[in-house]
Amino acid sequence: MPVVRVKRKFQVTIPAEVRKRLDLAEGDYLEVTEEDNQIVLKPKVVLDKPDERALAQLEAILERIRQPGEVSEEEVERDVLEAIRTVRRDARARRRS
């Protein structure tokens, strides 16, 4: 398990392997909480205003879940994660332009 050092102004560097696994990029947001004397960082997607494409993807996912028949938890998770990646990619592209 990687170890990080708290630097001036209480900054830490998230190890590259963790950033890659979580698809984090500069400018992304993290929610910080304290649980059982541990610091927990959770990636968050922040939308400026309702992102129509992201909302349409989410609604399509929810519609699939509501359909008769069984949709596996893995399929739902995969689709939701892909929608999140799309929102993050679009947000990064907007920040760079």
C-alpha atoms as a PDB file:
ATOM      1  CA  MET A   1       0.000   0.000   0.000  1.00  0.00           C
ATOM      2  CA  PRO A   2       1.476   3.378  -1.004  1.00  0.00           C
ATOM      3  CA  VAL A   3       2.295   5.915   1.698  1.00  0.00           C
ATOM      4  CA  VAL A   4       2.033   9.672   1.124  1.00  0.00           C
ATOM      5  CA  ARG A   5       3.448  12.575   3.083  1.00  0.00           C
ATOM      6  CA  VAL A   6       1.447  15.577   4.224  1.00  0.00           C
ATOM      7  CA  LYS A   7       3.200  18.636   2.815  1.00  0.00           C
ATOM      8  CA  ARG A   8       2.982  22.360   3.375  1.00  0.00           C
ATOM      9  CA  LYS A   9      -0.631  23.590   3.394  1.00  0.00           C
ATOM     10  CA  PHE A  10      -1.666  19.974   4.142  1.00  0.00           C
ATOM     11  CA  GLN A  11      -1.334  18.858   0.527  1.00  0.00           C
ATOM     12  CA  VAL A  12      -0.868  15.210  -0.416  1.00  0.00           C
ATOM     13  CA  THR A  13      -0.174  13.549  -3.767  1.00  0.00           C
ATOM     14  CA  ILE A  14      -2.461  10.701  -4.741  1.00  0.00           C
ATOM     15  CA  PRO A  15      -0.279   7.858  -6.073  1.00  0.00           C
ATOM     16  CA  ALA A  16      -0.370   7.368  -9.858  1.00  0.00           C
ATOM     17  CA  GLU A  17      -1.708   3.800  -9.620  1.00  0.00           C
ATOM     18  CA  VAL A  18      -4.711   5.006  -7.583  1.00  0.00           C
ATOM     19  CA  ARG A  19      -5.332   7.981  -9.916  1.00  0.00           C
ATOM     20  CA  LYS A  20      -5.340   5.646 -12.916  1.00  0.00           C
ATOM     21  CA  ARG A  21      -7.662   3.083 -11.312  1.00  0.00           C
ATOM     22  CA  LEU A  22     -10.139   5.827 -10.394  1.00  0.00           C
ATOM     23  CA  ASP A  23      -9.716   7.707 -13.696  1.00  0.00           C
ATOM     24  CA  LEU A  24      -8.818  10.901 -11.823  1.00  0.00           C
ATOM     25  CA  ALA A  25      -7.453  13.957 -13.583  1.00  0.00           C
ATOM     26  CA  GLU A  26      -6.271  17.385 -12.530  1.00  0.00           C
ATOM     27  CA  GLY A  27      -9.278  19.521 -11.675  1.00  0.00           C
ATOM     28  CA  ASP A  28     -11.522  16.619 -10.622  1.00  0.00           C
ATOM     29  CA  TYR A  29     -13.388  16.936  -7.332  1.00  0.00           C
ATOM     30  CA  LEU A  30     -13.092  14.663  -4.303  1.00  0.00           C
ATOM     31  CA  GLU A  31     -15.444  14.515  -1.331  1.00  0.00           C
ATOM     32  CA  VAL A  32     -13.513  14.350   1.955  1.00  0.00           C
ATOM     33  CA  THR A  33     -15.010  12.615   4.985  1.00  0.00           C
ATOM     34  CA  GLU A  34     -13.699  11.188   8.226  1.00  0.00           C
ATOM     35  CA  GLU A  35     -14.846   7.697   9.178  1.00  0.00           C
ATOM     36  CA  ASP A  36     -13.549   5.762  12.171  1.00  0.00           C
ATOM     37  CA  ASN A  37     -10.496   8.005  12.491  1.00  0.00           C
ATOM     38  CA  GLN A  38      -9.651   7.604   8.766  1.00  0.00           C
ATOM     39  CA  ILE A  39      -9.690  10.154   5.952  1.00  0.00           C
ATOM     40  CA  VAL A  40     -11.858   8.962   3.051  1.00  0.00           C
ATOM     41  CA  LEU A  41     -11.664  10.589  -0.403  1.00  0.00           C
ATOM     42  CA  LYS A  42     -14.456   9.857  -2.891  1.00  0.00           C
ATOM     43  CA  PRO A  43     -14.474  11.083  -6.504  1.00  0.00           C
ATOM     44  CA  LYS A  44     -17.430  13.331  -7.248  1.00  0.00           C
ATOM     45  CA  VAL A  45     -18.894  14.535 -10.506  1.00  0.00           C
ATOM     46  CA  VAL A  46     -19.930  18.169 -10.372  1.00  0.00           C
ATOM     47  CA  LEU A  47     -22.095  19.491 -13.209  1.00  0.00           C
ATOM     48  CA  ASP A  48     -22.264  23.209 -13.920  1.00  0.00           C
ATOM     49  CA  LYS A  49     -25.902  22.961 -14.928  1.00  0.00           C
ATOM     50  CA  PRO A  50     -27.941  19.962 -15.947  1.00  0.00           C
ATOM     51  CA  ASP A  51     -25.819  18.256 -18.566  1.00  0.00           C
ATOM     52  CA  GLU A  52     -28.392  17.065 -21.076  1.00  0.00           C
ATOM     53  CA  ARG A  53     -26.257  14.236 -22.431  1.00  0.00           C
ATOM     54  CA  ALA A  54     -25.420  12.909 -18.958  1.00  0.00           C
ATOM     55  CA  LEU A  55     -29.060  13.113 -17.909  1.00  0.00           C
ATOM     56  CA  ALA A  56     -30.144  11.284 -21.074  1.00  0.00           C
ATOM     57  CA  GLN A  57     -27.607   8.499 -20.390  1.00  0.00           C
ATOM     58  CA  LEU A  58     -28.801   8.157 -16.809  1.00  0.00           C
ATOM     59  CA  GLU A  59     -32.447   8.052 -17.873  1.00  0.00           C
ATOM     60  CA  ALA A  60     -31.648   5.346 -20.450  1.00  0.00           C
ATOM     61  CA  ILE A  61     -29.928   3.288 -17.755  1.00  0.00           C
ATOM     62  CA  LEU A  62     -32.877   3.693 -15.386  1.00  0.00           C
ATOM     63  CA  GLU A  63     -35.309   2.739 -18.153  1.00  0.00           C
ATOM     64  CA  ARG A  64     -33.374  -0.511 -18.762  1.00  0.00           C
ATOM     65  CA  ILE A  65     -33.614  -1.333 -15.057  1.00  0.00           C
ATOM     66  CA  ARG A  66     -37.379  -0.745 -15.062  1.00  0.00           C
ATOM     67  CA  GLN A  67     -37.948  -3.038 -18.085  1.00  0.00           C
ATOM     68  CA  PRO A  68     -39.309  -6.520 -17.439  1.00  0.00           C
ATOM     69  CA  GLY A  69     -36.591  -9.117 -17.340  1.00  0.00           C
ATOM     70  CA  GLU A  70     -33.434  -9.124 -15.377  1.00  0.00           C
ATOM     71  CA  VAL A  71     -30.558  -6.729 -15.845  1.00  0.00           C
ATOM     72  CA  SER A  72     -27.502  -7.860 -13.944  1.00  0.00           C
ATOM     73  CA  GLU A  73     -25.925  -5.676 -11.298  1.00  0.00           C
ATOM     74  CA  GLU A  74     -22.677  -5.840 -13.283  1.00  0.00           C
ATOM     75  CA  GLU A  75     -24.396  -4.430 -16.395  1.00  0.00           C
ATOM     76  CA  VAL A  76     -25.924  -1.579 -14.412  1.00  0.00           C
ATOM     77  CA  GLU A  77     -22.611  -0.807 -12.723  1.00  0.00           C
ATOM     78  CA  ARG A  78     -20.766  -0.909 -16.067  1.00  0.00           C
ATOM     79  CA  ASP A  79     -23.281   1.448 -17.688  1.00  0.00           C
ATOM     80  CA  VAL A  80     -23.270   3.887 -14.773  1.00  0.00           C
ATOM     81  CA  LEU A  81     -19.454   3.939 -14.667  1.00  0.00           C
ATOM     82  CA  GLU A  82     -19.327   4.588 -18.409  1.00  0.00           C
ATOM     83  CA  ALA A  83     -21.777   7.477 -18.013  1.00  0.00           C
ATOM     84  CA  ILE A  84     -19.595   8.924 -15.236  1.00  0.00           C
ATOM     85  CA  ARG A  85     -16.465   8.592 -17.399  1.00  0.00           C
ATOM     86  CA  THR A  86     -18.258  10.388 -20.243  1.00  0.00           C
ATOM     87  CA  VAL A  87     -19.260  13.252 -17.947  1.00  0.00           C
ATOM     88  CA  ARG A  88     -15.699  13.527 -16.590  1.00  0.00           C
ATOM     89  CA  ARG A  89     -14.197  13.443 -20.106  1.00  0.00           C
ATOM     90  CA  ASP A  90     -16.587  16.141 -21.286  1.00  0.00           C
ATOM     91  CA  ALA A  91     -15.885  18.281 -18.204  1.00  0.00           C
ATOM     92  CA  ARG A  92     -12.114  17.998 -18.744  1.00  0.00           C
ATOM     93  CA  ALA A  93     -12.518  18.940 -22.412  1.00  0.00           C
ATOM     94  CA  ARG A  94     -14.576  21.997 -21.446  1.00  0.00           C
ATOM     95  CA  ARG A  95     -11.960  23.077 -18.878  1.00  0.00           C
ATOM     96  CA  ARG A  96      -9.156  22.788 -21.433  1.00  0.00           C
ATOM     97  CA  SER A  97     -10.943  24.813 -24.094  1.00  0.00           C
END
